[in-house]
Amino acid sequence: MSGRAPDAGGEAAPPWTSWAPEGGWERFAARQAVSDAIWDSVSEEGGQWHYLNPAGGLSIWECSADGSAILIDYRDDRIVALQTNGGAAQRHFLAVAAPFGLLEQAPADAMPGPGLK
C-alpha cells in the first residue's frame, strides 16, 4: 500500500514531487525567472488550465486534461516550494523548467500549506 489517498476514481493519487535548484530556493538567483516562465506558459484562456489560489502565497495551476497540477508556494513573492503531482502538468512543467536545472526531490507526502518548505 502506497499510503496515498485514493482519487475520485478510487485509484491512488500520484505523489507530489518537490522540485528545487541545487542549494535550495533561498540562494537561487533565477527563482523569479522560473516563476515567470511557468506563469507565461499557462493561462485559463482556452480552458486547458485552471488557476486556484486557496491561501495567500499558494498558487496552483491545475491541468484540465487530467487534474494534475503545478503548485507554487511563495513567501514575499519568492518561491519557497514548487511541486507537481504527475500527469500533463508535470510534463508541461518539466519542459518549461528544463533551462533552470531544477532537481527532483523526494516525493512529498502531501501538498504543503502556505509558507511551508
PDB file of N, CA and C in Angstrom:
ATOM      1  N   MET A   1       0.852  -1.188   0.000  1.00  0.00           N
ATOM      2  CA  MET A   1       0.000   0.000   0.000  1.00  0.00           C
ATOM      3  C   MET A   1       0.883   1.230   0.000  1.00  0.00           C
ATOM      4  N   SER A   2       0.566   2.189  -0.870  1.00  0.00           N
ATOM      5  CA  SER A   2       1.413   3.365  -1.015  1.00  0.00           C
ATOM      6  C   SER A   2       1.164   4.409   0.052  1.00  0.00           C
ATOM      7  N   GLY A   3       0.046   4.356   0.721  1.00  0.00           N
ATOM      8  CA  GLY A   3      -0.265   5.368   1.716  1.00  0.00           C
ATOM      9  C   GLY A   3      -0.866   6.623   1.104  1.00  0.00           C
ATOM     10  N   ARG A   4      -1.013   6.630  -0.211  1.00  0.00           N
ATOM     11  CA  ARG A   4      -1.591   7.783  -0.881  1.00  0.00           C
ATOM     12  C   ARG A   4      -3.099   7.663  -0.861  1.00  0.00           C
ATOM     13  N   ALA A   5      -3.761   8.769  -0.657  1.00  0.00           N
ATOM     14  CA  ALA A   5      -5.222   8.782  -0.633  1.00  0.00           C
ATOM     15  C   ALA A   5      -5.756   8.502  -2.030  1.00  0.00           C
ATOM     16  N   PRO A   6      -6.849   7.753  -2.136  1.00  0.00           N
ATOM     17  CA  PRO A   6      -7.422   7.492  -3.456  1.00  0.00           C
ATOM     18  C   PRO A   6      -8.016   8.757  -4.053  1.00  0.00           C
ATOM     19  N   ASP A   7      -7.964   8.850  -5.392  1.00  0.00           N
ATOM     20  CA  ASP A   7      -8.609   9.964  -6.063  1.00  0.00           C
ATOM     21  C   ASP A   7     -10.084   9.638  -6.253  1.00  0.00           C
ATOM     22  N   ALA A   8     -10.803  10.489  -6.991  1.00  0.00           N
ATOM     23  CA  ALA A   8     -12.247  10.306  -7.155  1.00  0.00           C
ATOM     24  C   ALA A   8     -12.591   8.985  -7.832  1.00  0.00           C
ATOM     25  N   GLY A   9     -11.683   8.455  -8.662  1.00  0.00           N
ATOM     26  CA  GLY A   9     -11.935   7.196  -9.346  1.00  0.00           C
ATOM     27  C   GLY A   9     -11.520   5.987  -8.547  1.00  0.00           C
ATOM     28  N   GLY A  10     -11.047   6.178  -7.318  1.00  0.00           N
ATOM     29  CA  GLY A  10     -10.638   5.070  -6.473  1.00  0.00           C
ATOM     30  C   GLY A  10      -9.182   4.670  -6.651  1.00  0.00           C
ATOM     31  N   GLU A  11      -8.490   5.271  -7.619  1.00  0.00           N
ATOM     32  CA  GLU A  11      -7.073   4.994  -7.842  1.00  0.00           C
ATOM     33  C   GLU A  11      -6.239   5.796  -6.849  1.00  0.00           C
ATOM     34  N   ALA A  12      -5.081   5.267  -6.514  1.00  0.00           N
ATOM     35  CA  ALA A  12      -4.185   6.029  -5.650  1.00  0.00           C
ATOM     36  C   ALA A  12      -3.717   7.261  -6.417  1.00  0.00           C
ATOM     37  N   ALA A  13      -3.886   8.418  -5.819  1.00  0.00           N
ATOM     38  CA  ALA A  13      -3.462   9.662  -6.455  1.00  0.00           C
ATOM     39  C   ALA A  13      -1.939   9.671  -6.562  1.00  0.00           C
ATOM     40  N   PRO A  14      -1.406  10.261  -7.631  1.00  0.00           N
ATOM     41  CA  PRO A  14       0.053  10.298  -7.757  1.00  0.00           C
ATOM     42  C   PRO A  14       0.668  11.117  -6.634  1.00  0.00           C
ATOM     43  N   PRO A  15       1.881  10.764  -6.237  1.00  0.00           N
ATOM     44  CA  PRO A  15       2.531  11.528  -5.174  1.00  0.00           C
ATOM     45  C   PRO A  15       2.931  12.910  -5.664  1.00  0.00           C
ATOM     46  N   TRP A  16       3.033  13.825  -4.745  1.00  0.00           N
ATOM     47  CA  TRP A  16       3.544  15.158  -5.056  1.00  0.00           C
ATOM     48  C   TRP A  16       5.065  15.070  -5.061  1.00  0.00           C
ATOM     49  N   THR A  17       5.665  15.613  -6.088  1.00  0.00           N
ATOM     50  CA  THR A  17       7.118  15.644  -6.198  1.00  0.00           C
ATOM     51  C   THR A  17       7.587  17.073  -6.032  1.00  0.00           C
ATOM     52  N   SER A  18       8.527  17.285  -5.143  1.00  0.00           N
ATOM     53  CA  SER A  18       9.101  18.614  -4.937  1.00  0.00           C
ATOM     54  C   SER A  18      10.243  18.826  -5.915  1.00  0.00           C
ATOM     55  N   TRP A  19      10.394  20.074  -6.351  1.00  0.00           N
ATOM     56  CA  TRP A  19      11.460  20.465  -7.272  1.00  0.00           C
ATOM     57  C   TRP A  19      12.189  21.650  -6.670  1.00  0.00           C
ATOM     58  N   ALA A  20      13.516  21.640  -6.778  1.00  0.00           N
ATOM     59  CA  ALA A  20      14.309  22.745  -6.231  1.00  0.00           C
ATOM     60  C   ALA A  20      15.643  22.818  -6.964  1.00  0.00           C
ATOM     61  N   PRO A  21      16.217  23.989  -6.988  1.00  0.00           N
ATOM     62  CA  PRO A  21      17.563  24.106  -7.546  1.00  0.00           C
ATOM     63  C   PRO A  21      18.582  23.529  -6.572  1.00  0.00           C
ATOM     64  N   GLU A  22      19.733  23.162  -7.093  1.00  0.00           N
ATOM     65  CA  GLU A  22      20.801  22.708  -6.209  1.00  0.00           C
ATOM     66  C   GLU A  22      21.092  23.828  -5.211  1.00  0.00           C
ATOM     67  N   GLY A  23      21.142  23.507  -3.942  1.00  0.00           N
ATOM     68  CA  GLY A  23      21.380  24.517  -2.912  1.00  0.00           C
ATOM     69  C   GLY A  23      20.103  25.139  -2.372  1.00  0.00           C
ATOM     70  N   GLY A  24      18.949  24.808  -2.950  1.00  0.00           N
ATOM     71  CA  GLY A  24      17.676  25.311  -2.435  1.00  0.00           C
ATOM     72  C   GLY A  24      17.250  26.635  -3.054  1.00  0.00           C
ATOM     73  N   TRP A  25      16.021  27.018  -2.761  1.00  0.00           N
ATOM     74  CA  TRP A  25      15.431  28.225  -3.331  1.00  0.00           C
ATOM     75  C   TRP A  25      16.009  29.505  -2.746  1.00  0.00           C
ATOM     76  N   GLU A  26      16.430  29.464  -1.512  1.00  0.00           N
ATOM     77  CA  GLU A  26      16.886  30.685  -0.816  1.00  0.00           C
ATOM     78  C   GLU A  26      17.967  31.433  -1.589  1.00  0.00           C
ATOM     79  N   ARG A  27      18.941  30.706  -2.108  1.00  0.00           N
ATOM     80  CA  ARG A  27      20.081  31.344  -2.778  1.00  0.00           C
ATOM     81  C   ARG A  27      20.004  31.295  -4.300  1.00  0.00           C
ATOM     82  N   PHE A  28      18.902  30.835  -4.854  1.00  0.00           N
ATOM     83  CA  PHE A  28      18.775  30.646  -6.293  1.00  0.00           C
ATOM     84  C   PHE A  28      18.416  31.968  -6.972  1.00  0.00           C
ATOM     85  N   ALA A  29      19.344  32.514  -7.719  1.00  0.00           N
ATOM     86  CA  ALA A  29      19.165  33.831  -8.330  1.00  0.00           C
ATOM     87  C   ALA A  29      18.068  33.856  -9.396  1.00  0.00           C
ATOM     88  N   ALA A  30      17.789  32.727 -10.032  1.00  0.00           N
ATOM     89  CA  ALA A  30      16.819  32.697 -11.134  1.00  0.00           C
ATOM     90  C   ALA A  30      15.407  32.323 -10.692  1.00  0.00           C
ATOM     91  N   ARG A  31      15.103  32.428  -9.409  1.00  0.00           N
ATOM     92  CA  ARG A  31      13.776  31.999  -8.957  1.00  0.00           C
ATOM     93  C   ARG A  31      12.653  32.826  -9.589  1.00  0.00           C
ATOM     94  N   GLN A  32      12.876  34.118  -9.816  1.00  0.00           N
ATOM     95  CA  GLN A  32      11.845  34.927 -10.481  1.00  0.00           C
ATOM     96  C   GLN A  32      11.678  34.494 -11.934  1.00  0.00           C
ATOM     97  N   ALA A  33      12.775  34.145 -12.586  1.00  0.00           N
ATOM     98  CA  ALA A  33      12.700  33.676 -13.973  1.00  0.00           C
ATOM     99  C   ALA A  33      11.926  32.354 -14.065  1.00  0.00           C
ATOM    100  N   VAL A  34      12.092  31.471 -13.075  1.00  0.00           N
ATOM    101  CA  VAL A  34      11.327  30.219 -13.041  1.00  0.00           C
ATOM    102  C   VAL A  34       9.839  30.538 -12.908  1.00  0.00           C
ATOM    103  N   SER A  35       9.505  31.402 -11.980  1.00  0.00           N
ATOM    104  CA  SER A  35       8.121  31.794 -11.771  1.00  0.00           C
ATOM    105  C   SER A  35       7.532  32.399 -13.048  1.00  0.00           C
ATOM    106  N   ASP A  36       8.258  33.327 -13.659  1.00  0.00           N
ATOM    107  CA  ASP A  36       7.779  33.970 -14.881  1.00  0.00           C
ATOM    108  C   ASP A  36       7.579  32.958 -16.000  1.00  0.00           C
ATOM    109  N   ALA A  37       8.505  32.010 -16.143  1.00  0.00           N
ATOM    110  CA  ALA A  37       8.408  31.002 -17.202  1.00  0.00           C
ATOM    111  C   ALA A  37       7.140  30.161 -17.032  1.00  0.00           C
ATOM    112  N   ILE A  38       6.840  29.778 -15.799  1.00  0.00           N
ATOM    113  CA  ILE A  38       5.633  28.986 -15.553  1.00  0.00           C
ATOM    114  C   ILE A  38       4.392  29.819 -15.846  1.00  0.00           C
ATOM    115  N   TRP A  39       4.316  31.013 -15.259  1.00  0.00           N
ATOM    116  CA  TRP A  39       3.134  31.860 -15.435  1.00  0.00           C
ATOM    117  C   TRP A  39       2.934  32.261 -16.895  1.00  0.00           C
ATOM    118  N   ASP A  40       4.013  32.481 -17.627  1.00  0.00           N
ATOM    119  CA  ASP A  40       3.901  32.852 -19.041  1.00  0.00           C
ATOM    120  C   ASP A  40       3.433  31.688 -19.911  1.00  0.00           C
ATOM    121  N   SER A  41       3.537  30.463 -19.406  1.00  0.00           N
ATOM    122  CA  SER A  41       3.214  29.282 -20.210  1.00  0.00           C
ATOM    123  C   SER A  41       1.831  28.702 -19.928  1.00  0.00           C
ATOM    124  N   VAL A  42       1.139  29.223 -18.927  1.00  0.00           N
ATOM    125  CA  VAL A  42      -0.190  28.716 -18.574  1.00  0.00           C
ATOM    126  C   VAL A  42      -1.200  29.860 -18.571  1.00  0.00           C
ATOM    127  N   SER A  43      -2.433  29.526 -18.844  1.00  0.00           N
ATOM    128  CA  SER A  43      -3.491  30.533 -18.869  1.00  0.00           C
ATOM    129  C   SER A  43      -4.835  29.828 -18.755  1.00  0.00           C
ATOM    130  N   GLU A  44      -5.805  30.496 -18.153  1.00  0.00           N
ATOM    131  CA  GLU A  44      -7.156  29.935 -18.098  1.00  0.00           C
ATOM    132  C   GLU A  44      -7.860  30.084 -19.444  1.00  0.00           C
ATOM    133  N   GLU A  45      -7.348  30.958 -20.280  1.00  0.00           N
ATOM    134  CA  GLU A  45      -7.927  31.141 -21.614  1.00  0.00           C
ATOM    135  C   GLU A  45      -7.811  29.838 -22.402  1.00  0.00           C
ATOM    136  N   GLY A  46      -8.896  29.420 -22.989  1.00  0.00           N
ATOM    137  CA  GLY A  46      -8.907  28.181 -23.757  1.00  0.00           C
ATOM    138  C   GLY A  46      -9.268  26.958 -22.934  1.00  0.00           C
ATOM    139  N   GLY A  47      -9.325  27.092 -21.609  1.00  0.00           N
ATOM    140  CA  GLY A  47      -9.784  26.013 -20.748  1.00  0.00           C
ATOM    141  C   GLY A  47      -8.786  24.906 -20.445  1.00  0.00           C
ATOM    142  N   GLN A  48      -7.546  25.037 -20.899  1.00  0.00           N
ATOM    143  CA  GLN A  48      -6.575  23.975 -20.632  1.00  0.00           C
ATOM    144  C   GLN A  48      -6.080  24.000 -19.188  1.00  0.00           C
ATOM    145  N   TRP A  49      -6.066  25.168 -18.565  1.00  0.00           N
ATOM    146  CA  TRP A  49      -5.579  25.324 -17.195  1.00  0.00           C
ATOM    147  C   TRP A  49      -6.621  26.031 -16.346  1.00  0.00           C
ATOM    148  N   HIS A  50      -6.626  25.692 -15.071  1.00  0.00           N
ATOM    149  CA  HIS A  50      -7.500  26.354 -14.102  1.00  0.00           C
ATOM    150  C   HIS A  50      -6.622  26.838 -12.955  1.00  0.00           C
ATOM    151  N   TYR A  51      -6.747  28.120 -12.608  1.00  0.00           N
ATOM    152  CA  TYR A  51      -5.927  28.706 -11.546  1.00  0.00           C
ATOM    153  C   TYR A  51      -6.667  28.674 -10.220  1.00  0.00           C
ATOM    154  N   LEU A  52      -5.967  28.225  -9.184  1.00  0.00           N
ATOM    155  CA  LEU A  52      -6.500  28.192  -7.823  1.00  0.00           C
ATOM    156  C   LEU A  52      -5.541  28.950  -6.913  1.00  0.00           C
ATOM    157  N   ASN A  53      -6.108  29.725  -6.004  1.00  0.00           N
ATOM    158  CA  ASN A  53      -5.322  30.457  -5.022  1.00  0.00           C
ATOM    159  C   ASN A  53      -5.997  30.269  -3.666  1.00  0.00           C
ATOM    160  N   PRO A  54      -5.837  29.054  -3.079  1.00  0.00           N
ATOM    161  CA  PRO A  54      -6.579  28.732  -1.859  1.00  0.00           C
ATOM    162  C   PRO A  54      -6.121  29.484  -0.616  1.00  0.00           C
ATOM    163  N   ALA A  55      -4.911  30.007  -0.644  1.00  0.00           N
ATOM    164  CA  ALA A  55      -4.397  30.751   0.505  1.00  0.00           C
ATOM    165  C   ALA A  55      -3.338  31.714   0.008  1.00  0.00           C
ATOM    166  N   GLY A  56      -3.180  32.812   0.714  1.00  0.00           N
ATOM    167  CA  GLY A  56      -2.171  33.790   0.317  1.00  0.00           C
ATOM    168  C   GLY A  56      -0.814  33.131   0.122  1.00  0.00           C
ATOM    169  N   GLY A  57      -0.203  33.371  -1.011  1.00  0.00           N
ATOM    170  CA  GLY A  57       1.109  32.817  -1.282  1.00  0.00           C
ATOM    171  C   GLY A  57       1.099  31.469  -1.973  1.00  0.00           C
ATOM    172  N   LEU A  58      -0.031  30.812  -2.050  1.00  0.00           N
ATOM    173  CA  LEU A  58      -0.105  29.488  -2.645  1.00  0.00           C
ATOM    174  C   LEU A  58      -0.831  29.586  -3.985  1.00  0.00           C
ATOM    175  N   SER A  59      -0.127  29.243  -5.063  1.00  0.00           N
ATOM    176  CA  SER A  59      -0.700  29.275  -6.402  1.00  0.00           C
ATOM    177  C   SER A  59      -0.692  27.872  -6.978  1.00  0.00           C
ATOM    178  N   ILE A  60      -1.829  27.469  -7.512  1.00  0.00           N
ATOM    179  CA  ILE A  60      -1.950  26.137  -8.098  1.00  0.00           C
ATOM    180  C   ILE A  60      -2.511  26.292  -9.508  1.00  0.00           C
ATOM    181  N   TRP A  61      -1.798  25.708 -10.472  1.00  0.00           N
ATOM    182  CA  TRP A  61      -2.281  25.634 -11.847  1.00  0.00           C
ATOM    183  C   TRP A  61      -2.679  24.184 -12.088  1.00  0.00           C
ATOM    184  N   GLU A  62      -3.975  23.952 -12.258  1.00  0.00           N
ATOM    185  CA  GLU A  62      -4.495  22.610 -12.477  1.00  0.00           C
ATOM    186  C   GLU A  62      -4.751  22.397 -13.971  1.00  0.00           C
ATOM    187  N   CYS A  63      -4.256  21.287 -14.483  1.00  0.00           N
ATOM    188  CA  CYS A  63      -4.451  20.935 -15.883  1.00  0.00           C
ATOM    189  C   CYS A  63      -5.833  20.302 -16.055  1.00  0.00           C
ATOM    190  N   SER A  64      -6.625  20.865 -16.930  1.00  0.00           N
ATOM    191  CA  SER A  64      -7.980  20.371 -17.149  1.00  0.00           C
ATOM    192  C   SER A  64      -8.001  18.981 -17.772  1.00  0.00           C
ATOM    193  N   ALA A  65      -6.950  18.615 -18.489  1.00  0.00           N
ATOM    194  CA  ALA A  65      -6.919  17.320 -19.177  1.00  0.00           C
ATOM    195  C   ALA A  65      -6.979  16.143 -18.213  1.00  0.00           C
ATOM    196  N   ASP A  66      -6.279  16.255 -17.077  1.00  0.00           N
ATOM    197  CA  ASP A  66      -6.222  15.105 -16.170  1.00  0.00           C
ATOM    198  C   ASP A  66      -6.243  15.463 -14.687  1.00  0.00           C
ATOM    199  N   GLY A  67      -6.405  16.730 -14.352  1.00  0.00           N
ATOM    200  CA  GLY A  67      -6.477  17.136 -12.950  1.00  0.00           C
ATOM    201  C   GLY A  67      -5.135  17.230 -12.252  1.00  0.00           C
ATOM    202  N   SER A  68      -4.043  16.977 -12.967  1.00  0.00           N
ATOM    203  CA  SER A  68      -2.722  17.117 -12.358  1.00  0.00           C
ATOM    204  C   SER A  68      -2.431  18.609 -12.185  1.00  0.00           C
ATOM    205  N   ALA A  69      -1.428  18.929 -11.381  1.00  0.00           N
ATOM    206  CA  ALA A  69      -1.228  20.331 -11.039  1.00  0.00           C
ATOM    207  C   ALA A  69       0.236  20.704 -10.830  1.00  0.00           C
ATOM    208  N   ILE A  70       0.466  21.996 -10.965  1.00  0.00           N
ATOM    209  CA  ILE A  70       1.734  22.623 -10.599  1.00  0.00           C
ATOM    210  C   ILE A  70       1.416  23.511  -9.407  1.00  0.00           C
ATOM    211  N   LEU A  71       2.100  23.311  -8.311  1.00  0.00           N
ATOM    212  CA  LEU A  71       1.866  24.064  -7.085  1.00  0.00           C
ATOM    213  C   LEU A  71       3.102  24.909  -6.798  1.00  0.00           C
ATOM    214  N   ILE A  72       2.893  26.195  -6.605  1.00  0.00           N
ATOM    215  CA  ILE A  72       3.999  27.099  -6.280  1.00  0.00           C
ATOM    216  C   ILE A  72       3.655  27.788  -4.966  1.00  0.00           C
ATOM    217  N   ASP A  73       4.536  27.656  -4.010  1.00  0.00           N
ATOM    218  CA  ASP A  73       4.350  28.290  -2.704  1.00  0.00           C
ATOM    219  C   ASP A  73       5.304  29.480  -2.634  1.00  0.00           C
ATOM    220  N   TYR A  74       4.734  30.662  -2.429  1.00  0.00           N
ATOM    221  CA  TYR A  74       5.512  31.901  -2.377  1.00  0.00           C
ATOM    222  C   TYR A  74       5.537  32.466  -0.962  1.00  0.00           C
ATOM    223  N   ARG A  75       6.625  33.090  -0.628  1.00  0.00           N
ATOM    224  CA  ARG A  75       6.721  33.903   0.586  1.00  0.00           C
ATOM    225  C   ARG A  75       7.375  35.208   0.157  1.00  0.00           C
ATOM    226  N   ASP A  76       6.688  36.321   0.387  1.00  0.00           N
ATOM    227  CA  ASP A  76       7.185  37.631  -0.046  1.00  0.00           C
ATOM    228  C   ASP A  76       7.516  37.626  -1.537  1.00  0.00           C
ATOM    229  N   ASP A  77       6.625  37.053  -2.338  1.00  0.00           N
ATOM    230  CA  ASP A  77       6.767  36.973  -3.798  1.00  0.00           C
ATOM    231  C   ASP A  77       7.986  36.190  -4.256  1.00  0.00           C
ATOM    232  N   ARG A  78       8.516  35.335  -3.394  1.00  0.00           N
ATOM    233  CA  ARG A  78       9.652  34.491  -3.756  1.00  0.00           C
ATOM    234  C   ARG A  78       9.257  33.034  -3.592  1.00  0.00           C
ATOM    235  N   ILE A  79       9.641  32.206  -4.559  1.00  0.00           N
ATOM    236  CA  ILE A  79       9.331  30.781  -4.463  1.00  0.00           C
ATOM    237  C   ILE A  79      10.046  30.180  -3.261  1.00  0.00           C
ATOM    238  N   VAL A  80       9.301  29.456  -2.440  1.00  0.00           N
ATOM    239  CA  VAL A  80       9.902  28.716  -1.326  1.00  0.00           C
ATOM    240  C   VAL A  80       9.685  27.218  -1.498  1.00  0.00           C
ATOM    241  N   ALA A  81       8.721  26.834  -2.362  1.00  0.00           N
ATOM    242  CA  ALA A  81       8.471  25.423  -2.659  1.00  0.00           C
ATOM    243  C   ALA A  81       7.767  25.333  -3.998  1.00  0.00           C
ATOM    244  N   LEU A  82       8.075  24.268  -4.720  1.00  0.00           N
ATOM    245  CA  LEU A  82       7.441  24.024  -6.008  1.00  0.00           C
ATOM    246  C   LEU A  82       7.220  22.531  -6.129  1.00  0.00           C
ATOM    247  N   GLN A  83       5.988  22.138  -6.461  1.00  0.00           N
ATOM    248  CA  GLN A  83       5.651  20.716  -6.537  1.00  0.00           C
ATOM    249  C   GLN A  83       4.780  20.434  -7.754  1.00  0.00           C
ATOM    250  N   THR A  84       4.845  19.203  -8.221  1.00  0.00           N
ATOM    251  CA  THR A  84       3.941  18.701  -9.250  1.00  0.00           C
ATOM    252  C   THR A  84       3.429  17.341  -8.786  1.00  0.00           C
ATOM    253  N   ASN A  85       2.308  16.916  -9.368  1.00  0.00           N
ATOM    254  CA  ASN A  85       1.794  15.591  -8.999  1.00  0.00           C
ATOM    255  C   ASN A  85       1.546  14.734 -10.234  1.00  0.00           C
ATOM    256  N   GLY A  86       2.506  14.709 -11.119  1.00  0.00           N
ATOM    257  CA  GLY A  86       2.460  13.828 -12.276  1.00  0.00           C
ATOM    258  C   GLY A  86       1.604  14.364 -13.404  1.00  0.00           C
ATOM    259  N   GLY A  87       1.321  13.482 -14.353  1.00  0.00           N
ATOM    260  CA  GLY A  87       0.422  13.785 -15.451  1.00  0.00           C
ATOM    261  C   GLY A  87       0.899  14.888 -16.385  1.00  0.00           C
ATOM    262  N   ALA A  88      -0.084  15.484 -17.066  1.00  0.00           N
ATOM    263  CA  ALA A  88       0.190  16.515 -18.066  1.00  0.00           C
ATOM    264  C   ALA A  88       0.839  17.747 -17.443  1.00  0.00           C
ATOM    265  N   ALA A  89       0.460  18.089 -16.224  1.00  0.00           N
ATOM    266  CA  ALA A  89       1.043  19.266 -15.569  1.00  0.00           C
ATOM    267  C   ALA A  89       2.540  19.067 -15.332  1.00  0.00           C
ATOM    268  N   GLN A  90       2.922  17.890 -14.898  1.00  0.00           N
ATOM    269  CA  GLN A  90       4.338  17.632 -14.653  1.00  0.00           C
ATOM    270  C   GLN A  90       5.121  17.637 -15.968  1.00  0.00           C
ATOM    271  N   ARG A  91       4.557  17.035 -17.016  1.00  0.00           N
ATOM    272  CA  ARG A  91       5.233  17.052 -18.320  1.00  0.00           C
ATOM    273  C   ARG A  91       5.408  18.493 -18.801  1.00  0.00           C
ATOM    274  N   HIS A  92       4.371  19.313 -18.640  1.00  0.00           N
ATOM    275  CA  HIS A  92       4.444  20.724 -19.021  1.00  0.00           C
ATOM    276  C   HIS A  92       5.518  21.444 -18.201  1.00  0.00           C
ATOM    277  N   PHE A  93       5.474  21.247 -16.899  1.00  0.00           N
ATOM    278  CA  PHE A  93       6.452  21.873 -16.017  1.00  0.00           C
ATOM    279  C   PHE A  93       7.881  21.494 -16.398  1.00  0.00           C
ATOM    280  N   LEU A  94       8.126  20.217 -16.650  1.00  0.00           N
ATOM    281  CA  LEU A  94       9.476  19.766 -16.985  1.00  0.00           C
ATOM    282  C   LEU A  94       9.992  20.435 -18.253  1.00  0.00           C
ATOM    283  N   ALA A  95       9.128  20.611 -19.237  1.00  0.00           N
ATOM    284  CA  ALA A  95       9.542  21.278 -20.474  1.00  0.00           C
ATOM    285  C   ALA A  95       9.850  22.758 -20.231  1.00  0.00           C
ATOM    286  N   VAL A  96       9.002  23.423 -19.462  1.00  0.00           N
ATOM    287  CA  VAL A  96       9.175  24.855 -19.198  1.00  0.00           C
ATOM    288  C   VAL A  96      10.376  25.112 -18.288  1.00  0.00           C
ATOM    289  N   ALA A  97      10.574  24.249 -17.304  1.00  0.00           N
ATOM    290  CA  ALA A  97      11.620  24.473 -16.297  1.00  0.00           C
ATOM    291  C   ALA A  97      12.973  23.880 -16.673  1.00  0.00           C
ATOM    292  N   ALA A  98      13.053  23.143 -17.774  1.00  0.00           N
ATOM    293  CA  ALA A  98      14.312  22.481 -18.161  1.00  0.00           C
ATOM    294  C   ALA A  98      15.525  23.409 -18.161  1.00  0.00           C
ATOM    295  N   PRO A  99      15.416  24.635 -18.670  1.00  0.00           N
ATOM    296  CA  PRO A  99      16.601  25.500 -18.697  1.00  0.00           C
ATOM    297  C   PRO A  99      17.154  25.881 -17.322  1.00  0.00           C
ATOM    298  N   PHE A 100      16.375  25.668 -16.276  1.00  0.00           N
ATOM    299  CA  PHE A 100      16.777  26.120 -14.945  1.00  0.00           C
ATOM    300  C   PHE A 100      17.464  25.040 -14.111  1.00  0.00           C
ATOM    301  N   GLY A 101      17.496  23.812 -14.603  1.00  0.00           N
ATOM    302  CA  GLY A 101      18.209  22.742 -13.908  1.00  0.00           C
ATOM    303  C   GLY A 101      17.653  22.382 -12.549  1.00  0.00           C
ATOM    304  N   LEU A 102      16.341  22.474 -12.383  1.00  0.00           N
ATOM    305  CA  LEU A 102      15.749  22.103 -11.097  1.00  0.00           C
ATOM    306  C   LEU A 102      15.876  20.601 -10.898  1.00  0.00           C
ATOM    307  N   LEU A 103      16.047  20.200  -9.662  1.00  0.00           N
ATOM    308  CA  LEU A 103      16.262  18.798  -9.323  1.00  0.00           C
ATOM    309  C   LEU A 103      15.039  18.227  -8.622  1.00  0.00           C
ATOM    310  N   GLU A 104      14.718  16.994  -8.973  1.00  0.00           N
ATOM    311  CA  GLU A 104      13.617  16.296  -8.308  1.00  0.00           C
ATOM    312  C   GLU A 104      14.043  15.949  -6.899  1.00  0.00           C
ATOM    313  N   GLN A 105      13.195  16.289  -5.951  1.00  0.00           N
ATOM    314  CA  GLN A 105      13.431  15.964  -4.556  1.00  0.00           C
ATOM    315  C   GLN A 105      12.640  14.697  -4.245  1.00  0.00           C
ATOM    316  N   ALA A 106      12.774  14.177  -3.065  1.00  0.00           N
ATOM    317  CA  ALA A 106      11.984  13.014  -2.659  1.00  0.00           C
ATOM    318  C   ALA A 106      10.510  13.363  -2.781  1.00  0.00           C
ATOM    319  N   PRO A 107       9.660  12.403  -3.173  1.00  0.00           N
ATOM    320  CA  PRO A 107       8.224  12.707  -3.253  1.00  0.00           C
ATOM    321  C   PRO A 107       7.724  13.267  -1.929  1.00  0.00           C
ATOM    322  N   ALA A 108       6.921  14.293  -2.033  1.00  0.00           N
ATOM    323  CA  ALA A 108       6.347  14.922  -0.844  1.00  0.00           C
ATOM    324  C   ALA A 108       5.158  14.077  -0.385  1.00  0.00           C
ATOM    325  N   ASP A 109       4.949  13.988   0.901  1.00  0.00           N
ATOM    326  CA  ASP A 109       3.821  13.223   1.431  1.00  0.00           C
ATOM    327  C   ASP A 109       2.487  13.876   1.118  1.00  0.00           C
ATOM    328  N   ALA A 110       2.473  15.184   1.109  1.00  0.00           N
ATOM    329  CA  ALA A 110       1.234  15.910   0.853  1.00  0.00           C
ATOM    330  C   ALA A 110       1.586  17.315   0.382  1.00  0.00           C
ATOM    331  N   MET A 111       0.597  17.991  -0.147  1.00  0.00           N
ATOM    332  CA  MET A 111       0.821  19.372  -0.555  1.00  0.00           C
ATOM    333  C   MET A 111       1.170  20.190   0.678  1.00  0.00           C
ATOM    334  N   PRO A 112       2.092  21.163   0.527  1.00  0.00           N
ATOM    335  CA  PRO A 112       2.416  21.999   1.675  1.00  0.00           C
ATOM    336  C   PRO A 112       1.325  23.031   1.913  1.00  0.00           C
ATOM    337  N   GLY A 113       1.260  23.497   3.119  1.00  0.00           N
ATOM    338  CA  GLY A 113       0.385  24.628   3.406  1.00  0.00           C
ATOM    339  C   GLY A 113       1.129  25.904   3.084  1.00  0.00           C
ATOM    340  N   PRO A 114       0.465  27.040   3.147  1.00  0.00           N
ATOM    341  CA  PRO A 114       1.117  28.302   2.827  1.00  0.00           C
ATOM    342  C   PRO A 114       2.370  28.522   3.679  1.00  0.00           C
ATOM    343  N   GLY A 115       3.440  28.914   3.012  1.00  0.00           N
ATOM    344  CA  GLY A 115       4.664  29.259   3.715  1.00  0.00           C
ATOM    345  C   GLY A 115       5.483  28.100   4.226  1.00  0.00           C
ATOM    346  N   LEU A 116       5.114  26.860   3.898  1.00  0.00           N
ATOM    347  CA  LEU A 116       5.889  25.707   4.354  1.00  0.00           C
ATOM    348  C   LEU A 116       6.901  25.340   3.306  1.00  0.00           C
ATOM    349  N   LYS A 117       8.015  24.826   3.728  1.00  0.00           N
ATOM    350  CA  LYS A 117       9.063  24.407   2.797  1.00  0.00           C
ATOM    351  C   LYS A 117       9.006  22.922   2.626  1.00  0.00           C
TER     352      LYS A 117
END
